[in-house]
Amino acid sequence: MFHSLETQSLNWINMNQTQKHTLKKNYPTLKKLADLSGNSIVELIMVFMDYKPASAEPIYYDKQLRDNLPQIQKLANKLGIYFSTSTHKYIINSPRGIFTEIPLNDSRLGKIILSFSKSAEIAYKGAYYYHQKMLDSSYGYKFGELMGYPKCCLKFGDYLANNNSNPNNYGFKNPAIESLKRSEHFDWHLNVFTTSLIPHFPCSLTCKDSIEYVKKALECLECIKELDTDTKKQYLSEPVSLYWTCADRILLYGDYKASSLGYGEISYTKLEPKVTSSSFYQKVDKNNLCLLNEIYKHLEQGNRLVVTNHYCRIYRDNVPLFQLKKRDRYTPILIKPDILPVP
């Protein structure tokens, strides 16, 4: 039987008063920059506070973003941050990681990379490397190094790459699942199965350097009272995730009993679907989406879920309602951190 570790206390990294004042003073500008650019407010804060050298994210290149670009540039300048974009856009076609590069003036909807850094050179390389790693896996390590990812996670990210000479068929292993395979325990700070405060996938679910990054991010968020830090912590520590991919999972709340990391059962009282493939990808497996929706409907009718290596089974009390034979032991999994915050 799998046993949970004792809960751990937080070893906060203390910001000084000058840093806190600087962050509070500039937060309104950072928030507006995040809203206009579609970039993570957490990532922009971490760049502004010098906790990471750069951030880079893919954003749909639509009319709204094109109209926002001059204001994005102006706000970045005000913060002392350089801003750069990729010179092409790309289409994300499926959860298998198939990408197609297209020109900026192509009429098809695609994503461009928006990169921010206090270094002009790093901002430029951030956008360029991110785009290139979609097409050539050799850029994955270069990109992660540029973003300041921990060395151990850089090596892990390099392992995830599925080298392929076809530029329109670059694939990768499911990074969250690969982190799980390397882990004996699961620290709540690194919950990539519900939501995540780290920009990379950790080499394991107890990676010390990745945990320290999350602690820094949470401390920054604590300074900004209008940001609901408690809710972020709850998402990291409370729900159990029925997890398929980074775009699809269903969160469950209730009494969870783990048999091992990724498997167990939950008697639940609340569900929260996070099935976003249809908006995240531009070409989606309709059969898979139908299956996810079917499972969610059965979960609504039931109150207990059991997930093993071989199947998912939904019950109403002790009456079985639905069973899914799994394609492999990791699709899907049922998981919750076993290293939790002190109440």
C-alpha atoms as a PDB file:
ATOM      1  CA  MET A   1       0.000   0.000   0.000  1.00  0.00           C
ATOM      2  CA  PHE A   2       1.159   3.510  -0.794  1.00  0.00           C
ATOM      3  CA  HIS A   3       1.700   5.806   2.209  1.00  0.00           C
ATOM      4  CA  SER A   4       1.747   9.595   2.184  1.00  0.00           C
ATOM      5  CA  LEU A   5       4.706  11.553   3.524  1.00  0.00           C
ATOM      6  CA  GLU A   6       4.297  13.934   6.417  1.00  0.00           C
ATOM      7  CA  THR A   7       3.215  17.432   5.453  1.00  0.00           C
ATOM      8  CA  GLN A   8       6.066  19.886   5.100  1.00  0.00           C
ATOM      9  CA  SER A   9       6.479  23.457   6.327  1.00  0.00           C
ATOM     10  CA  LEU A  10       7.218  26.266   3.893  1.00  0.00           C
ATOM     11  CA  ASN A  11      10.721  27.688   3.851  1.00  0.00           C
ATOM     12  CA  TRP A  12       9.828  31.073   2.382  1.00  0.00           C
ATOM     13  CA  ILE A  13      12.480  33.112   0.604  1.00  0.00           C
ATOM     14  CA  ASN A  14      12.042  36.545   2.118  1.00  0.00           C
ATOM     15  CA  MET A  15      11.826  39.591  -0.144  1.00  0.00           C
ATOM     16  CA  ASN A  16      13.129  42.804   1.354  1.00  0.00           C
ATOM     17  CA  GLN A  17      10.919  45.878   1.759  1.00  0.00           C
ATOM     18  CA  THR A  18      12.418  47.655  -1.259  1.00  0.00           C
ATOM     19  CA  GLN A  19      11.609  44.692  -3.504  1.00  0.00           C
ATOM     20  CA  LYS A  20       8.065  44.501  -2.157  1.00  0.00           C
ATOM     21  CA  HIS A  21       7.530  48.231  -2.700  1.00  0.00           C
ATOM     22  CA  THR A  22       8.899  48.039  -6.254  1.00  0.00           C
ATOM     23  CA  LEU A  23       6.616  45.127  -7.119  1.00  0.00           C
ATOM     24  CA  LYS A  24       3.498  46.757  -5.648  1.00  0.00           C
ATOM     25  CA  LYS A  25       4.236  50.046  -7.417  1.00  0.00           C
ATOM     26  CA  ASN A  26       4.679  48.418 -10.815  1.00  0.00           C
ATOM     27  CA  TYR A  27       1.998  45.750 -10.526  1.00  0.00           C
ATOM     28  CA  PRO A  28      -0.720  47.769 -12.349  1.00  0.00           C
ATOM     29  CA  THR A  29       1.578  48.108 -15.371  1.00  0.00           C
ATOM     30  CA  LEU A  30       2.528  44.440 -15.217  1.00  0.00           C
ATOM     31  CA  LYS A  31      -1.136  43.456 -15.019  1.00  0.00           C
ATOM     32  CA  LYS A  32      -2.041  45.578 -18.041  1.00  0.00           C
ATOM     33  CA  LEU A  33       0.891  44.108 -19.973  1.00  0.00           C
ATOM     34  CA  ALA A  34      -0.290  40.584 -19.108  1.00  0.00           C
ATOM     35  CA  ASP A  35      -3.864  41.375 -20.162  1.00  0.00           C
ATOM     36  CA  LEU A  36      -2.879  42.879 -23.519  1.00  0.00           C
ATOM     37  CA  SER A  37      -0.259  40.283 -24.401  1.00  0.00           C
ATOM     38  CA  GLY A  38      -2.040  37.174 -23.137  1.00  0.00           C
ATOM     39  CA  ASN A  39       1.107  36.265 -21.192  1.00  0.00           C
ATOM     40  CA  SER A  40       1.174  34.897 -17.663  1.00  0.00           C
ATOM     41  CA  ILE A  41       1.167  37.598 -14.982  1.00  0.00           C
ATOM     42  CA  VAL A  42       3.287  35.270 -12.820  1.00  0.00           C
ATOM     43  CA  GLU A  43       5.935  34.895 -15.528  1.00  0.00           C
ATOM     44  CA  LEU A  44       6.075  38.642 -16.167  1.00  0.00           C
ATOM     45  CA  ILE A  45       6.458  39.308 -12.435  1.00  0.00           C
ATOM     46  CA  MET A  46       9.283  36.789 -12.194  1.00  0.00           C
ATOM     47  CA  VAL A  47      11.132  38.446 -15.097  1.00  0.00           C
ATOM     48  CA  PHE A  48      10.570  41.921 -13.652  1.00  0.00           C
ATOM     49  CA  MET A  49      11.843  40.822 -10.235  1.00  0.00           C
ATOM     50  CA  ASP A  50      14.966  39.215 -11.780  1.00  0.00           C
ATOM     51  CA  TYR A  51      13.977  35.724 -10.619  1.00  0.00           C
ATOM     52  CA  LYS A  52      14.264  34.454 -14.192  1.00  0.00           C
ATOM     53  CA  PRO A  53      16.036  35.876 -17.258  1.00  0.00           C
ATOM     54  CA  ALA A  54      13.134  35.698 -19.706  1.00  0.00           C
ATOM     55  CA  SER A  55       9.655  34.401 -20.440  1.00  0.00           C
ATOM     56  CA  ALA A  56       8.198  33.340 -23.774  1.00  0.00           C
ATOM     57  CA  GLU A  57       4.709  32.129 -24.601  1.00  0.00           C
ATOM     58  CA  PRO A  58       2.729  31.229 -27.753  1.00  0.00           C
ATOM     59  CA  ILE A  59      -0.284  33.501 -28.359  1.00  0.00           C
ATOM     60  CA  TYR A  60      -2.846  33.442 -31.183  1.00  0.00           C
ATOM     61  CA  TYR A  61      -1.908  36.088 -33.752  1.00  0.00           C
ATOM     62  CA  ASP A  62      -5.342  37.602 -34.344  1.00  0.00           C
ATOM     63  CA  LYS A  63      -6.545  41.165 -34.998  1.00  0.00           C
ATOM     64  CA  GLN A  64      -6.768  41.967 -31.290  1.00  0.00           C
ATOM     65  CA  LEU A  65      -3.149  40.988 -30.644  1.00  0.00           C
ATOM     66  CA  ARG A  66      -1.940  42.876 -33.722  1.00  0.00           C
ATOM     67  CA  ASP A  67      -3.756  45.985 -32.499  1.00  0.00           C
ATOM     68  CA  ASN A  68      -2.259  45.562 -29.026  1.00  0.00           C
ATOM     69  CA  LEU A  69       1.386  45.229 -30.106  1.00  0.00           C
ATOM     70  CA  PRO A  70       2.277  48.978 -29.973  1.00  0.00           C
ATOM     71  CA  GLN A  71       0.832  49.282 -26.458  1.00  0.00           C
ATOM     72  CA  ILE A  72       2.566  46.072 -25.378  1.00  0.00           C
ATOM     73  CA  GLN A  73       5.874  47.557 -26.536  1.00  0.00           C
ATOM     74  CA  LYS A  74       5.174  50.798 -24.673  1.00  0.00           C
ATOM     75  CA  LEU A  75       4.303  49.044 -21.401  1.00  0.00           C
ATOM     76  CA  ALA A  76       7.354  46.782 -21.612  1.00  0.00           C
ATOM     77  CA  ASN A  77       9.591  49.831 -22.116  1.00  0.00           C
ATOM     78  CA  LYS A  78       8.043  51.498 -19.069  1.00  0.00           C
ATOM     79  CA  LEU A  79       9.010  48.470 -16.975  1.00  0.00           C
ATOM     80  CA  GLY A  80      12.548  48.332 -18.334  1.00  0.00           C
ATOM     81  CA  ILE A  81      11.758  45.112 -20.201  1.00  0.00           C
ATOM     82  CA  TYR A  82      12.561  44.297 -23.829  1.00  0.00           C
ATOM     83  CA  PHE A  83       9.894  42.677 -25.994  1.00  0.00           C
ATOM     84  CA  SER A  84      10.283  40.512 -29.094  1.00  0.00           C
ATOM     85  CA  THR A  85       8.109  38.290 -31.309  1.00  0.00           C
ATOM     86  CA  SER A  86       8.759  35.383 -33.657  1.00  0.00           C
ATOM     87  CA  THR A  87       8.951  36.244 -37.375  1.00  0.00           C
ATOM     88  CA  HIS A  88       6.598  33.383 -38.322  1.00  0.00           C
ATOM     89  CA  LYS A  89       3.548  31.834 -36.766  1.00  0.00           C
ATOM     90  CA  TYR A  90       2.740  28.162 -36.350  1.00  0.00           C
ATOM     91  CA  ILE A  91      -0.274  25.901 -36.092  1.00  0.00           C
ATOM     92  CA  ILE A  92      -0.637  23.416 -33.233  1.00  0.00           C
ATOM     93  CA  ASN A  93      -2.434  20.504 -34.832  1.00  0.00           C
ATOM     94  CA  SER A  94      -2.851  17.879 -32.142  1.00  0.00           C
ATOM     95  CA  PRO A  95      -1.839  16.586 -28.703  1.00  0.00           C
ATOM     96  CA  ARG A  96       0.805  14.505 -30.508  1.00  0.00           C
ATOM     97  CA  GLY A  97       2.809  17.692 -30.937  1.00  0.00           C
ATOM     98  CA  ILE A  98       2.520  18.222 -34.698  1.00  0.00           C
ATOM     99  CA  PHE A  99       3.388  21.764 -35.769  1.00  0.00           C
ATOM    100  CA  THR A 100       3.195  23.580 -39.089  1.00  0.00           C
ATOM    101  CA  GLU A 101       5.109  26.809 -39.680  1.00  0.00           C
ATOM    102  CA  ILE A 102       3.327  29.482 -41.761  1.00  0.00           C
ATOM    103  CA  PRO A 103       4.110  33.128 -42.685  1.00  0.00           C
ATOM    104  CA  LEU A 104       2.719  35.960 -40.564  1.00  0.00           C
ATOM    105  CA  ASN A 105       0.523  37.116 -43.464  1.00  0.00           C
ATOM    106  CA  ASP A 106      -1.016  33.668 -43.967  1.00  0.00           C
ATOM    107  CA  SER A 107      -4.803  33.899 -43.566  1.00  0.00           C
ATOM    108  CA  ARG A 108      -4.915  30.796 -41.361  1.00  0.00           C
ATOM    109  CA  LEU A 109      -5.042  31.307 -37.612  1.00  0.00           C
ATOM    110  CA  GLY A 110      -1.732  30.519 -35.948  1.00  0.00           C
ATOM    111  CA  LYS A 111       0.308  31.422 -32.892  1.00  0.00           C
ATOM    112  CA  ILE A 112       3.339  33.663 -32.571  1.00  0.00           C
ATOM    113  CA  ILE A 113       5.817  33.762 -29.718  1.00  0.00           C
ATOM    114  CA  LEU A 114       5.920  36.778 -27.407  1.00  0.00           C
ATOM    115  CA  SER A 115       9.154  37.002 -25.422  1.00  0.00           C
ATOM    116  CA  PHE A 116      10.095  39.369 -22.562  1.00  0.00           C
ATOM    117  CA  SER A 117      13.459  39.955 -20.890  1.00  0.00           C
ATOM    118  CA  LYS A 118      15.548  42.742 -19.364  1.00  0.00           C
ATOM    119  CA  SER A 119      18.127  41.871 -22.039  1.00  0.00           C
ATOM    120  CA  ALA A 120      17.350  42.778 -25.658  1.00  0.00           C
ATOM    121  CA  GLU A 121      19.440  39.859 -26.924  1.00  0.00           C
ATOM    122  CA  ILE A 122      17.733  37.336 -24.654  1.00  0.00           C
ATOM    123  CA  ALA A 123      14.262  38.664 -25.565  1.00  0.00           C
ATOM    124  CA  TYR A 124      15.068  38.183 -29.244  1.00  0.00           C
ATOM    125  CA  LYS A 125      16.524  34.718 -28.719  1.00  0.00           C
ATOM    126  CA  GLY A 126      13.569  33.739 -26.507  1.00  0.00           C
ATOM    127  CA  ALA A 127      11.098  34.264 -29.346  1.00  0.00           C
ATOM    128  CA  TYR A 128      13.409  32.701 -31.928  1.00  0.00           C
ATOM    129  CA  TYR A 129      14.381  29.636 -29.879  1.00  0.00           C
ATOM    130  CA  TYR A 130      10.800  28.929 -28.798  1.00  0.00           C
ATOM    131  CA  HIS A 131       9.590  28.932 -32.380  1.00  0.00           C
ATOM    132  CA  GLN A 132      12.539  26.880 -33.592  1.00  0.00           C
ATOM    133  CA  LYS A 133      12.089  24.217 -30.922  1.00  0.00           C
ATOM    134  CA  MET A 134       8.645  23.539 -32.359  1.00  0.00           C
ATOM    135  CA  LEU A 135      10.383  22.467 -35.563  1.00  0.00           C
ATOM    136  CA  ASP A 136      13.803  21.247 -34.422  1.00  0.00           C
ATOM    137  CA  SER A 137      14.179  19.509 -31.062  1.00  0.00           C
ATOM    138  CA  SER A 138      17.848  20.531 -30.796  1.00  0.00           C
ATOM    139  CA  TYR A 139      16.624  23.995 -29.791  1.00  0.00           C
ATOM    140  CA  GLY A 140      14.770  22.647 -26.755  1.00  0.00           C
ATOM    141  CA  TYR A 141      17.829  22.650 -24.489  1.00  0.00           C
ATOM    142  CA  LYS A 142      18.967  26.062 -25.797  1.00  0.00           C
ATOM    143  CA  PHE A 143      15.545  27.531 -25.076  1.00  0.00           C
ATOM    144  CA  GLY A 144      15.326  26.106 -21.557  1.00  0.00           C
ATOM    145  CA  GLU A 145      18.827  27.319 -20.737  1.00  0.00           C
ATOM    146  CA  LEU A 146      17.895  30.795 -21.972  1.00  0.00           C
ATOM    147  CA  MET A 147      14.790  30.773 -19.741  1.00  0.00           C
ATOM    148  CA  GLY A 148      16.869  29.839 -16.690  1.00  0.00           C
ATOM    149  CA  TYR A 149      15.377  26.392 -16.096  1.00  0.00           C
ATOM    150  CA  PRO A 150      17.203  24.218 -13.516  1.00  0.00           C
ATOM    151  CA  LYS A 151      20.046  22.157 -14.973  1.00  0.00           C
ATOM    152  CA  CYS A 152      18.418  18.903 -13.894  1.00  0.00           C
ATOM    153  CA  CYS A 153      15.202  19.858 -15.686  1.00  0.00           C
ATOM    154  CA  LEU A 154      17.119  20.938 -18.797  1.00  0.00           C
ATOM    155  CA  LYS A 155      18.492  17.406 -19.107  1.00  0.00           C
ATOM    156  CA  PHE A 156      15.001  16.030 -18.525  1.00  0.00           C
ATOM    157  CA  GLY A 157      13.549  18.312 -21.198  1.00  0.00           C
ATOM    158  CA  ASP A 158      16.198  17.180 -23.646  1.00  0.00           C
ATOM    159  CA  TYR A 159      15.148  13.590 -22.958  1.00  0.00           C
ATOM    160  CA  LEU A 160      11.520  14.449 -23.762  1.00  0.00           C
ATOM    161  CA  ALA A 161      12.389  15.438 -27.330  1.00  0.00           C
ATOM    162  CA  ASN A 162      11.361  12.965 -29.983  1.00  0.00           C
ATOM    163  CA  ASN A 163      13.924  13.732 -32.678  1.00  0.00           C
ATOM    164  CA  ASN A 164      12.401  13.691 -36.120  1.00  0.00           C
ATOM    165  CA  SER A 165      13.783  14.926 -39.423  1.00  0.00           C
ATOM    166  CA  ASN A 166      10.328  15.943 -40.667  1.00  0.00           C
ATOM    167  CA  PRO A 167       9.896  19.627 -39.638  1.00  0.00           C
ATOM    168  CA  ASN A 168       6.090  19.313 -39.679  1.00  0.00           C
ATOM    169  CA  ASN A 169       5.990  16.243 -37.467  1.00  0.00           C
ATOM    170  CA  TYR A 170       7.944  17.140 -34.333  1.00  0.00           C
ATOM    171  CA  GLY A 171       6.659  15.157 -31.371  1.00  0.00           C
ATOM    172  CA  PHE A 172       7.448  14.813 -27.681  1.00  0.00           C
ATOM    173  CA  LYS A 173       6.740  12.490 -24.805  1.00  0.00           C
ATOM    174  CA  ASN A 174       3.994  13.571 -22.400  1.00  0.00           C
ATOM    175  CA  PRO A 175       6.156  15.592 -19.977  1.00  0.00           C
ATOM    176  CA  ALA A 176       3.868  15.416 -16.935  1.00  0.00           C
ATOM    177  CA  ILE A 177       3.666  11.638 -17.226  1.00  0.00           C
ATOM    178  CA  GLU A 178       7.423  11.343 -17.670  1.00  0.00           C
ATOM    179  CA  SER A 179       7.912  13.442 -14.490  1.00  0.00           C
ATOM    180  CA  LEU A 180       5.578  11.047 -12.705  1.00  0.00           C
ATOM    181  CA  LYS A 181       7.525   7.985 -13.883  1.00  0.00           C
ATOM    182  CA  ARG A 182      10.674   9.413 -12.273  1.00  0.00           C
ATOM    183  CA  SER A 183       9.012  10.208  -8.929  1.00  0.00           C
ATOM    184  CA  GLU A 184       8.517   8.294  -5.703  1.00  0.00           C
ATOM    185  CA  HIS A 185       6.565  11.187  -4.171  1.00  0.00           C
ATOM    186  CA  PHE A 186       4.704  14.277  -5.347  1.00  0.00           C
ATOM    187  CA  ASP A 187       5.200  17.737  -3.817  1.00  0.00           C
ATOM    188  CA  TRP A 188       2.186  20.051  -4.065  1.00  0.00           C
ATOM    189  CA  HIS A 189       4.287  22.977  -5.333  1.00  0.00           C
ATOM    190  CA  LEU A 190       4.885  21.044  -8.568  1.00  0.00           C
ATOM    191  CA  ASN A 191       1.306  20.093  -9.376  1.00  0.00           C
ATOM    192  CA  VAL A 192       1.426  20.086 -13.177  1.00  0.00           C
ATOM    193  CA  PHE A 193      -1.732  17.934 -13.222  1.00  0.00           C
ATOM    194  CA  THR A 194      -4.127  20.664 -12.059  1.00  0.00           C
ATOM    195  CA  THR A 195      -2.436  24.026 -12.543  1.00  0.00           C
ATOM    196  CA  SER A 196       1.207  25.056 -12.446  1.00  0.00           C
ATOM    197  CA  LEU A 197       3.340  27.977 -11.310  1.00  0.00           C
ATOM    198  CA  ILE A 198       6.496  26.752 -13.030  1.00  0.00           C
ATOM    199  CA  PRO A 199       7.123  27.476 -16.731  1.00  0.00           C
ATOM    200  CA  HIS A 200       8.818  24.112 -17.301  1.00  0.00           C
ATOM    201  CA  PHE A 201       8.107  20.492 -16.514  1.00  0.00           C
ATOM    202  CA  PRO A 202      10.167  19.331 -13.517  1.00  0.00           C
ATOM    203  CA  CYS A 203      12.587  16.421 -13.824  1.00  0.00           C
ATOM    204  CA  SER A 204      10.710  14.844 -10.923  1.00  0.00           C
ATOM    205  CA  LEU A 205       7.724  15.824  -8.799  1.00  0.00           C
ATOM    206  CA  THR A 206      10.084  16.602  -5.904  1.00  0.00           C
ATOM    207  CA  CYS A 207      12.693  18.654  -7.824  1.00  0.00           C
ATOM    208  CA  LYS A 208      14.211  21.005  -5.212  1.00  0.00           C
ATOM    209  CA  ASP A 209      15.151  23.802  -7.631  1.00  0.00           C
ATOM    210  CA  SER A 210      11.671  23.796  -9.154  1.00  0.00           C
ATOM    211  CA  ILE A 211      10.077  23.931  -5.702  1.00  0.00           C
ATOM    212  CA  GLU A 212      12.225  26.956  -4.796  1.00  0.00           C
ATOM    213  CA  TYR A 213      11.037  28.706  -7.960  1.00  0.00           C
ATOM    214  CA  VAL A 214       7.396  28.146  -6.974  1.00  0.00           C
ATOM    215  CA  LYS A 215       8.084  29.452  -3.468  1.00  0.00           C
ATOM    216  CA  LYS A 216       9.519  32.638  -4.964  1.00  0.00           C
ATOM    217  CA  ALA A 217       6.481  33.014  -7.228  1.00  0.00           C
ATOM    218  CA  LEU A 218       4.069  32.532  -4.331  1.00  0.00           C
ATOM    219  CA  GLU A 219       5.930  35.065  -2.212  1.00  0.00           C
ATOM    220  CA  CYS A 220       5.650  37.608  -5.031  1.00  0.00           C
ATOM    221  CA  LEU A 221       1.929  36.928  -5.333  1.00  0.00           C
ATOM    222  CA  GLU A 222       1.481  37.372  -1.577  1.00  0.00           C
ATOM    223  CA  CYS A 223       2.620  40.985  -2.022  1.00  0.00           C
ATOM    224  CA  ILE A 224      -0.231  41.702  -4.443  1.00  0.00           C
ATOM    225  CA  LYS A 225      -3.364  41.590  -2.360  1.00  0.00           C
ATOM    226  CA  GLU A 226      -5.768  41.609  -5.301  1.00  0.00           C
ATOM    227  CA  LEU A 227      -4.267  38.314  -6.532  1.00  0.00           C
ATOM    228  CA  ASP A 228      -5.971  35.371  -4.845  1.00  0.00           C
ATOM    229  CA  THR A 229      -2.933  33.438  -3.668  1.00  0.00           C
ATOM    230  CA  ASP A 230      -5.009  31.154  -1.455  1.00  0.00           C
ATOM    231  CA  THR A 231      -6.981  29.933  -4.469  1.00  0.00           C
ATOM    232  CA  LYS A 232      -3.750  29.186  -6.345  1.00  0.00           C
ATOM    233  CA  LYS A 233      -2.468  27.179  -3.384  1.00  0.00           C
ATOM    234  CA  GLN A 234      -5.764  25.298  -3.184  1.00  0.00           C
ATOM    235  CA  TYR A 235      -5.563  24.328  -6.853  1.00  0.00           C
ATOM    236  CA  LEU A 236      -2.060  23.013  -6.252  1.00  0.00           C
ATOM    237  CA  SER A 237      -2.906  20.967  -3.171  1.00  0.00           C
ATOM    238  CA  GLU A 238      -6.612  20.066  -2.874  1.00  0.00           C
ATOM    239  CA  PRO A 239      -8.124  18.535  -6.027  1.00  0.00           C
ATOM    240  CA  VAL A 240      -7.501  15.083  -7.399  1.00  0.00           C
ATOM    241  CA  SER A 241      -6.858  15.124 -11.135  1.00  0.00           C
ATOM    242  CA  LEU A 242      -8.148  12.623 -13.673  1.00  0.00           C
ATOM    243  CA  TYR A 243      -5.437  13.544 -16.150  1.00  0.00           C
ATOM    244  CA  TRP A 244      -5.005  12.910 -19.903  1.00  0.00           C
ATOM    245  CA  THR A 245      -2.826  15.733 -21.293  1.00  0.00           C
ATOM    246  CA  CYS A 246      -1.855  19.309 -20.455  1.00  0.00           C
ATOM    247  CA  ALA A 247      -5.086  20.405 -22.164  1.00  0.00           C
ATOM    248  CA  ASP A 248      -7.478  17.840 -20.692  1.00  0.00           C
ATOM    249  CA  ARG A 249      -8.178  16.846 -17.123  1.00  0.00           C
ATOM    250  CA  ILE A 250     -11.155  16.637 -14.744  1.00  0.00           C
ATOM    251  CA  LEU A 251     -10.688  17.791 -11.149  1.00  0.00           C
ATOM    252  CA  LEU A 252     -12.442  15.903  -8.355  1.00  0.00           C
ATOM    253  CA  TYR A 253     -12.861  16.841  -4.695  1.00  0.00           C
ATOM    254  CA  GLY A 254     -13.476  14.328  -1.940  1.00  0.00           C
ATOM    255  CA  ASP A 255     -11.948  11.427  -0.018  1.00  0.00           C
ATOM    256  CA  TYR A 256      -8.973  10.113  -1.997  1.00  0.00           C
ATOM    257  CA  LYS A 257      -7.137   6.845  -1.352  1.00  0.00           C
ATOM    258  CA  ALA A 258      -3.991   6.283  -3.403  1.00  0.00           C
ATOM    259  CA  SER A 259      -2.696   2.811  -4.201  1.00  0.00           C
ATOM    260  CA  SER A 260       0.390   4.342  -5.855  1.00  0.00           C
ATOM    261  CA  LEU A 261       1.261   7.578  -7.634  1.00  0.00           C
ATOM    262  CA  GLY A 262      -1.275   7.852 -10.457  1.00  0.00           C
ATOM    263  CA  TYR A 263      -3.700   5.198  -9.281  1.00  0.00           C
ATOM    264  CA  GLY A 264      -6.324   4.867  -6.581  1.00  0.00           C
ATOM    265  CA  GLU A 265      -9.922   5.774  -5.881  1.00  0.00           C
ATOM    266  CA  ILE A 266     -11.922   8.790  -4.793  1.00  0.00           C
ATOM    267  CA  SER A 267     -15.375   9.217  -3.299  1.00  0.00           C
ATOM    268  CA  TYR A 268     -16.181  12.673  -4.595  1.00  0.00           C
ATOM    269  CA  THR A 269     -18.713  15.415  -3.921  1.00  0.00           C
ATOM    270  CA  LYS A 270     -17.599  17.984  -6.511  1.00  0.00           C
ATOM    271  CA  LEU A 271     -16.325  17.951 -10.111  1.00  0.00           C
ATOM    272  CA  GLU A 272     -14.571  20.623 -12.178  1.00  0.00           C
ATOM    273  CA  PRO A 273     -13.901  19.898 -15.874  1.00  0.00           C
ATOM    274  CA  LYS A 274     -10.753  21.351 -17.461  1.00  0.00           C
ATOM    275  CA  VAL A 275     -11.166  19.936 -20.976  1.00  0.00           C
ATOM    276  CA  THR A 276      -9.657  22.554 -23.294  1.00  0.00           C
ATOM    277  CA  SER A 277      -8.385  20.646 -26.356  1.00  0.00           C
ATOM    278  CA  SER A 278     -10.933  22.304 -28.630  1.00  0.00           C
ATOM    279  CA  SER A 279      -9.451  25.761 -27.964  1.00  0.00           C
ATOM    280  CA  PHE A 280      -5.814  24.790 -27.328  1.00  0.00           C
ATOM    281  CA  TYR A 281      -5.332  22.788 -30.522  1.00  0.00           C
ATOM    282  CA  GLN A 282      -6.448  23.784 -34.002  1.00  0.00           C
ATOM    283  CA  LYS A 283      -7.147  20.230 -35.121  1.00  0.00           C
ATOM    284  CA  VAL A 284      -8.658  17.941 -32.515  1.00  0.00           C
ATOM    285  CA  ASP A 285      -9.499  14.246 -32.325  1.00  0.00           C
ATOM    286  CA  LYS A 286     -13.291  14.529 -32.114  1.00  0.00           C
ATOM    287  CA  ASN A 287     -13.636  10.932 -30.918  1.00  0.00           C
ATOM    288  CA  ASN A 288     -11.352  11.635 -27.971  1.00  0.00           C
ATOM    289  CA  LEU A 289     -13.303  14.776 -27.039  1.00  0.00           C
ATOM    290  CA  CYS A 290     -16.565  12.817 -27.201  1.00  0.00           C
ATOM    291  CA  LEU A 291     -15.061  10.207 -24.892  1.00  0.00           C
ATOM    292  CA  LEU A 292     -13.973  12.858 -22.376  1.00  0.00           C
ATOM    293  CA  ASN A 293     -17.444  14.412 -22.408  1.00  0.00           C
ATOM    294  CA  GLU A 294     -19.035  10.975 -21.978  1.00  0.00           C
ATOM    295  CA  ILE A 295     -16.816  10.207 -18.983  1.00  0.00           C
ATOM    296  CA  TYR A 296     -17.680  13.557 -17.417  1.00  0.00           C
ATOM    297  CA  LYS A 297     -21.435  12.853 -17.790  1.00  0.00           C
ATOM    298  CA  HIS A 298     -21.006   9.507 -16.053  1.00  0.00           C
ATOM    299  CA  LEU A 299     -18.938  11.152 -13.320  1.00  0.00           C
ATOM    300  CA  GLU A 300     -21.811  13.607 -12.756  1.00  0.00           C
ATOM    301  CA  GLN A 301     -24.150  10.654 -12.229  1.00  0.00           C
ATOM    302  CA  GLY A 302     -21.757   8.821  -9.917  1.00  0.00           C
ATOM    303  CA  ASN A 303     -19.935   9.532  -6.676  1.00  0.00           C
ATOM    304  CA  ARG A 304     -16.930   7.186  -6.745  1.00  0.00           C
ATOM    305  CA  LEU A 305     -14.121   6.680  -9.259  1.00  0.00           C
ATOM    306  CA  VAL A 306     -11.528   3.892  -9.322  1.00  0.00           C
ATOM    307  CA  VAL A 307      -8.480   4.075 -11.604  1.00  0.00           C
ATOM    308  CA  THR A 308      -6.018   1.174 -11.984  1.00  0.00           C
ATOM    309  CA  ASN A 309      -3.325   0.335 -14.538  1.00  0.00           C
ATOM    310  CA  HIS A 310      -5.984  -1.223 -16.750  1.00  0.00           C
ATOM    311  CA  TYR A 311      -9.286   0.600 -16.354  1.00  0.00           C
ATOM    312  CA  CYS A 312     -11.321   3.536 -15.031  1.00  0.00           C
ATOM    313  CA  ARG A 313     -14.565   2.562 -13.312  1.00  0.00           C
ATOM    314  CA  ILE A 314     -17.320   4.929 -12.141  1.00  0.00           C
ATOM    315  CA  TYR A 315     -19.808   3.974  -9.424  1.00  0.00           C
ATOM    316  CA  ARG A 316     -22.897   5.391  -7.804  1.00  0.00           C
ATOM    317  CA  ASP A 317     -22.329   4.098  -4.280  1.00  0.00           C
ATOM    318  CA  ASN A 318     -21.532   0.424  -5.045  1.00  0.00           C
ATOM    319  CA  VAL A 319     -23.395   0.244  -8.354  1.00  0.00           C
ATOM    320  CA  PRO A 320     -21.074   0.356 -11.401  1.00  0.00           C
ATOM    321  CA  LEU A 321     -22.163   2.926 -14.017  1.00  0.00           C
ATOM    322  CA  PHE A 322     -19.342   2.969 -16.556  1.00  0.00           C
ATOM    323  CA  GLN A 323     -15.997   1.368 -17.299  1.00  0.00           C
ATOM    324  CA  LEU A 324     -13.229   2.527 -19.635  1.00  0.00           C
ATOM    325  CA  LYS A 325     -10.496   0.114 -20.642  1.00  0.00           C
ATOM    326  CA  LYS A 326      -7.295   2.174 -20.731  1.00  0.00           C
ATOM    327  CA  ARG A 327      -5.140   2.355 -23.857  1.00  0.00           C
ATOM    328  CA  ASP A 328      -2.069   2.213 -21.629  1.00  0.00           C
ATOM    329  CA  ARG A 329      -1.422   2.459 -17.893  1.00  0.00           C
ATOM    330  CA  TYR A 330      -0.843   6.234 -18.053  1.00  0.00           C
ATOM    331  CA  THR A 331      -3.923   7.284 -20.069  1.00  0.00           C
ATOM    332  CA  PRO A 332      -5.577   8.533 -17.969  1.00  0.00           C
ATOM    333  CA  ILE A 333      -4.213   8.613 -14.415  1.00  0.00           C
ATOM    334  CA  LEU A 334      -5.738   9.667 -11.101  1.00  0.00           C
ATOM    335  CA  ILE A 335      -3.320  11.717  -9.022  1.00  0.00           C
ATOM    336  CA  LYS A 336      -2.951  14.084  -6.079  1.00  0.00           C
ATOM    337  CA  PRO A 337       0.179  15.338  -4.232  1.00  0.00           C
ATOM    338  CA  ASP A 338       1.208  13.269  -1.234  1.00  0.00           C
ATOM    339  CA  ILE A 339       3.507  16.021   0.159  1.00  0.00           C
ATOM    340  CA  LEU A 340       1.029  18.694   1.228  1.00  0.00           C
ATOM    341  CA  PRO A 341       1.214  22.141   2.880  1.00  0.00           C
ATOM    342  CA  VAL A 342       0.834  22.451   6.617  1.00  0.00           C
ATOM    343  CA  PRO A 343      -2.806  23.346   7.417  1.00  0.00           C
END
